[in-house]
C-alpha atoms as a PDB file:
ATOM      1  CA  MET A   1      -0.091   0.043   0.144  1.00  0.00           C
ATOM      2  CA  SER A   2       1.380   3.122  -1.096  1.00  0.00           C
ATOM      3  CA  GLU A   3       1.664   6.074   1.819  1.00  0.00           C
ATOM      4  CA  ASN A   4       2.067   8.578  -1.119  1.00  0.00           C
ATOM      5  CA  ALA A   5      -1.584   7.812  -2.221  1.00  0.00           C
ATOM      6  CA  ILE A   6      -3.995  10.918  -1.915  1.00  0.00           C
ATOM      7  CA  PRO A   7      -7.593  10.249  -0.412  1.00  0.00           C
ATOM      8  CA  GLY A   8     -10.515  10.737  -2.558  1.00  0.00           C
ATOM      9  CA  PHE A   9     -12.082  13.338  -0.423  1.00  0.00           C
ATOM     10  CA  ASP A  10      -9.441  15.775  -0.881  1.00  0.00           C
ATOM     11  CA  ALA A  11     -10.721  16.496  -4.317  1.00  0.00           C
ATOM     12  CA  PHE A  12     -12.617  19.742  -4.619  1.00  0.00           C
ATOM     13  CA  LEU A  13     -14.447  21.490  -7.311  1.00  0.00           C
ATOM     14  CA  TYR A  14     -14.780  25.521  -7.595  1.00  0.00           C
ATOM     15  CA  VAL A  15     -16.771  27.548 -10.141  1.00  0.00           C
ATOM     16  CA  THR A  16     -16.436  31.294 -11.014  1.00  0.00           C
ATOM     17  CA  GLY A  17     -12.737  30.770 -10.727  1.00  0.00           C
ATOM     18  CA  SER A  18     -11.390  29.781  -7.348  1.00  0.00           C
ATOM     19  CA  THR A  19     -13.571  31.616  -5.305  1.00  0.00           C
ATOM     20  CA  THR A  20     -16.878  29.448  -5.091  1.00  0.00           C
ATOM     21  CA  LEU A  21     -16.359  25.949  -3.580  1.00  0.00           C
ATOM     22  CA  VAL A  22     -19.207  23.596  -5.045  1.00  0.00           C
ATOM     23  CA  ALA A  23     -20.533  22.286  -1.596  1.00  0.00           C
ATOM     24  CA  GLU A  24     -21.331  18.374  -0.540  1.00  0.00           C
ATOM     25  CA  VAL A  25     -19.481  16.922  -3.275  1.00  0.00           C
ATOM     26  CA  ARG A  26     -19.513  13.365  -3.220  1.00  0.00           C
ATOM     27  CA  ASP A  27     -17.809  12.261  -6.184  1.00  0.00           C
ATOM     28  CA  VAL A  28     -15.776  14.132  -8.686  1.00  0.00           C
ATOM     29  CA  GLU A  29     -14.035  13.225 -11.489  1.00  0.00           C
ATOM     30  CA  LEU A  30     -12.026  15.383 -14.343  1.00  0.00           C
ATOM     31  CA  ASN A  31     -11.383  13.831 -17.924  1.00  0.00           C
ATOM     32  CA  ILE A  32      -8.740  14.830 -20.235  1.00  0.00           C
ATOM     33  CA  GLU A  33      -8.553  13.450 -23.510  1.00  0.00           C
ATOM     34  CA  HIS A  34      -6.068  13.542 -26.644  1.00  0.00           C
ATOM     35  CA  SER A  35      -7.390  12.463 -30.172  1.00  0.00           C
ATOM     36  CA  ALA A  36      -4.134  11.775 -32.036  1.00  0.00           C
ATOM     37  CA  ILE A  37      -4.337  12.063 -35.502  1.00  0.00           C
ATOM     38  CA  ASP A  38      -3.104   8.899 -37.558  1.00  0.00           C
ATOM     39  CA  SER A  39      -0.100   9.615 -39.730  1.00  0.00           C
ATOM     40  CA  THR A  40       0.598   6.122 -40.469  1.00  0.00           C
ATOM     41  CA  THR A  41       2.222   5.413 -44.088  1.00  0.00           C
ATOM     42  CA  HIS A  42       3.786   2.588 -45.569  1.00  0.00           C
ATOM     43  CA  ASP A  43       7.172   3.732 -44.556  1.00  0.00           C
ATOM     44  CA  ASP A  44       6.077   2.670 -41.106  1.00  0.00           C
ATOM     45  CA  VAL A  45       6.467  -1.115 -42.204  1.00  0.00           C
ATOM     46  CA  GLY A  46       3.422  -2.249 -40.341  1.00  0.00           C
ATOM     47  CA  TRP A  47       3.562  -0.040 -37.253  1.00  0.00           C
ATOM     48  CA  GLU A  48       1.095   2.718 -36.765  1.00  0.00           C
ATOM     49  CA  SER A  49       2.241   6.222 -36.050  1.00  0.00           C
ATOM     50  CA  ASN A  50       0.184   9.373 -35.116  1.00  0.00           C
ATOM     51  CA  ILE A  51       0.663  13.099 -34.509  1.00  0.00           C
ATOM     52  CA  LYS A  52      -0.588  15.498 -32.092  1.00  0.00           C
ATOM     53  CA  GLY A  53      -4.146  16.142 -32.186  1.00  0.00           C
ATOM     54  CA  ARG A  54      -7.052  17.978 -30.501  1.00  0.00           C
ATOM     55  CA  ARG A  55      -7.521  17.958 -26.742  1.00  0.00           C
ATOM     56  CA  ARG A  56     -10.509  18.394 -24.473  1.00  0.00           C
ATOM     57  CA  PHE A  57     -11.665  18.162 -21.157  1.00  0.00           C
ATOM     58  CA  THR A  58     -14.932  17.073 -19.122  1.00  0.00           C
ATOM     59  CA  ALA A  59     -15.760  17.072 -15.540  1.00  0.00           C
ATOM     60  CA  SER A  60     -18.350  15.162 -13.817  1.00  0.00           C
ATOM     61  CA  GLY A  61     -19.975  14.236 -10.308  1.00  0.00           C
ATOM     62  CA  GLU A  62     -22.273  14.042  -7.690  1.00  0.00           C
ATOM     63  CA  VAL A  63     -23.342  16.396  -5.117  1.00  0.00           C
ATOM     64  CA  LEU A  64     -25.800  16.180  -2.201  1.00  0.00           C
ATOM     65  CA  TYR A  65     -28.379  18.692  -3.011  1.00  0.00           C
ATOM     66  CA  TYR A  66     -28.032  21.932  -0.874  1.00  0.00           C
ATOM     67  CA  GLU A  67     -30.396  24.600  -1.340  1.00  0.00           C
ATOM     68  CA  GLY A  68     -28.820  27.924  -1.269  1.00  0.00           C
ATOM     69  CA  ASP A  69     -25.265  26.716  -1.931  1.00  0.00           C
ATOM     70  CA  SER A  70     -23.722  29.380  -4.062  1.00  0.00           C
ATOM     71  CA  GLY A  71     -21.654  26.859  -6.230  1.00  0.00           C
ATOM     72  CA  GLN A  72     -24.484  24.374  -6.720  1.00  0.00           C
ATOM     73  CA  GLU A  73     -26.724  27.777  -7.777  1.00  0.00           C
ATOM     74  CA  GLU A  74     -23.854  28.754 -10.158  1.00  0.00           C
ATOM     75  CA  LEU A  75     -23.869  25.164 -11.850  1.00  0.00           C
ATOM     76  CA  LEU A  76     -28.014  25.233 -11.924  1.00  0.00           C
ATOM     77  CA  ASP A  77     -27.836  29.069 -13.419  1.00  0.00           C
ATOM     78  CA  ARG A  78     -25.386  27.544 -16.114  1.00  0.00           C
ATOM     79  CA  ILE A  79     -27.325  24.691 -17.318  1.00  0.00           C
ATOM     80  CA  LEU A  80     -30.387  26.942 -17.644  1.00  0.00           C
ATOM     81  CA  ASP A  81     -28.601  30.042 -19.515  1.00  0.00           C
ATOM     82  CA  GLY A  82     -26.006  27.910 -21.420  1.00  0.00           C
ATOM     83  CA  GLU A  83     -23.299  30.485 -20.860  1.00  0.00           C
ATOM     84  CA  LYS A  84     -19.474  29.350 -20.305  1.00  0.00           C
ATOM     85  CA  PHE A  85     -18.046  29.822 -16.634  1.00  0.00           C
ATOM     86  CA  ASP A  86     -14.732  29.080 -15.010  1.00  0.00           C
ATOM     87  CA  VAL A  87     -13.965  25.731 -13.235  1.00  0.00           C
ATOM     88  CA  VAL A  88     -10.937  24.966 -11.171  1.00  0.00           C
ATOM     89  CA  PHE A  89     -10.518  21.244 -10.162  1.00  0.00           C
ATOM     90  CA  ARG A  90      -8.163  20.587  -7.194  1.00  0.00           C
ATOM     91  CA  PRO A  91      -6.985  16.888  -6.433  1.00  0.00           C
ATOM     92  CA  GLN A  92      -5.818  18.276  -3.006  1.00  0.00           C
ATOM     93  CA  VAL A  93      -6.312  21.849  -1.749  1.00  0.00           C
ATOM     94  CA  GLY A  94      -3.229  23.758  -0.391  1.00  0.00           C
ATOM     95  CA  THR A  95      -0.246  25.793  -1.498  1.00  0.00           C
ATOM     96  CA  GLY A  96       2.138  24.007  -3.664  1.00  0.00           C
ATOM     97  CA  ASN A  97      -0.175  21.277  -5.024  1.00  0.00           C
ATOM     98  CA  ARG A  98      -1.550  20.914  -8.227  1.00  0.00           C
ATOM     99  CA  GLU A  99      -4.836  22.883  -9.863  1.00  0.00           C
ATOM    100  CA  TYR A 100      -6.500  22.612 -13.170  1.00  0.00           C
ATOM    101  CA  THR A 101      -8.323  25.730 -14.464  1.00  0.00           C
ATOM    102  CA  GLY A 102     -10.393  26.230 -17.775  1.00  0.00           C
ATOM    103  CA  GLU A 103     -13.817  27.461 -18.863  1.00  0.00           C
ATOM    104  CA  ALA A 104     -16.656  24.792 -19.440  1.00  0.00           C
ATOM    105  CA  ARG A 105     -20.561  24.714 -20.171  1.00  0.00           C
ATOM    106  CA  MET A 106     -22.800  22.698 -18.351  1.00  0.00           C
ATOM    107  CA  THR A 107     -24.334  19.792 -20.230  1.00  0.00           C
ATOM    108  CA  ASN A 108     -26.283  17.937 -17.619  1.00  0.00           C
ATOM    109  CA  TRP A 109     -27.878  18.474 -14.396  1.00  0.00           C
ATOM    110  CA  ARG A 110     -29.686  15.442 -12.961  1.00  0.00           C
ATOM    111  CA  HIS A 111     -31.642  16.252  -9.870  1.00  0.00           C
ATOM    112  CA  SER A 112     -32.620  12.739  -7.830  1.00  0.00           C
ATOM    113  CA  GLY A 113     -34.913  12.239  -4.736  1.00  0.00           C
ATOM    114  CA  PRO A 114     -34.638   8.304  -3.870  1.00  0.00           C
ATOM    115  CA  ASN A 115     -36.684   6.966  -1.289  1.00  0.00           C
ATOM    116  CA  ASP A 116     -33.760   5.757   0.798  1.00  0.00           C
ATOM    117  CA  ASP A 117     -31.067   8.239   0.420  1.00  0.00           C
ATOM    118  CA  ALA A 118     -30.332  12.058   0.643  1.00  0.00           C
ATOM    119  CA  GLN A 119     -31.556  14.039  -2.596  1.00  0.00           C
ATOM    120  CA  ALA A 120     -28.474  14.371  -4.851  1.00  0.00           C
ATOM    121  CA  VAL A 121     -27.270  16.206  -8.040  1.00  0.00           C
ATOM    122  CA  GLY A 122     -25.362  14.846 -10.844  1.00  0.00           C
ATOM    123  CA  ILE A 123     -23.236  17.046 -12.883  1.00  0.00           C
ATOM    124  CA  GLU A 124     -21.485  17.022 -16.065  1.00  0.00           C
ATOM    125  CA  MET A 125     -19.698  19.721 -17.708  1.00  0.00           C
ATOM    126  CA  GLN A 126     -17.724  20.083 -21.119  1.00  0.00           C
ATOM    127  CA  GLY A 127     -14.550  22.322 -21.309  1.00  0.00           C
ATOM    128  CA  THR A 128     -14.153  25.141 -23.813  1.00  0.00           C
ATOM    129  CA  GLY A 129     -10.950  25.774 -24.967  1.00  0.00           C
ATOM    130  CA  ALA A 130      -7.970  25.078 -23.120  1.00  0.00           C
ATOM    131  CA  LEU A 131      -7.379  23.473 -19.635  1.00  0.00           C
ATOM    132  CA  THR A 132      -4.054  24.835 -17.707  1.00  0.00           C
ATOM    133  CA  ASP A 133      -2.127  22.913 -15.147  1.00  0.00           C
ATOM    134  CA  ALA A 134      -0.799  25.127 -12.368  1.00  0.00           C
ATOM    135  CA  VAL A 135       0.226  24.967  -8.872  1.00  0.00           C
ATOM    136  CA  GLN A 136      -1.794  26.512  -6.227  1.00  0.00           C
ATOM    137  CA  SER A 137      -0.342  29.802  -4.415  1.00  0.00           C
END
């Protein structure tokens, strides 16, 4: 077992830059993809080759519904108006730790009220433009 592993509960999601924390996060995921472009020719003698292609990011998660939370309200407003917003994903909060920042649009807001659990909201967003990788100050 690695002593260097970071607990999942240390990850946080912020909207409107790093100023508004989304409260009651149960699960959060940042997905970064790179679509390499096939550049294979006969000169590659049976091996595939590729060149750098487009990149994109998405984020998703689940939060316990908390009416009045400014972070959750921001996400609800953005799914309703379709406007882009600033998003920050921090795997671990604290000076010197990594953070990912970009602009995104909400693509899904899924509110559930199960009979045997707390109300929850599933969220999904798609990045628009570059995602930057920086160190928290």
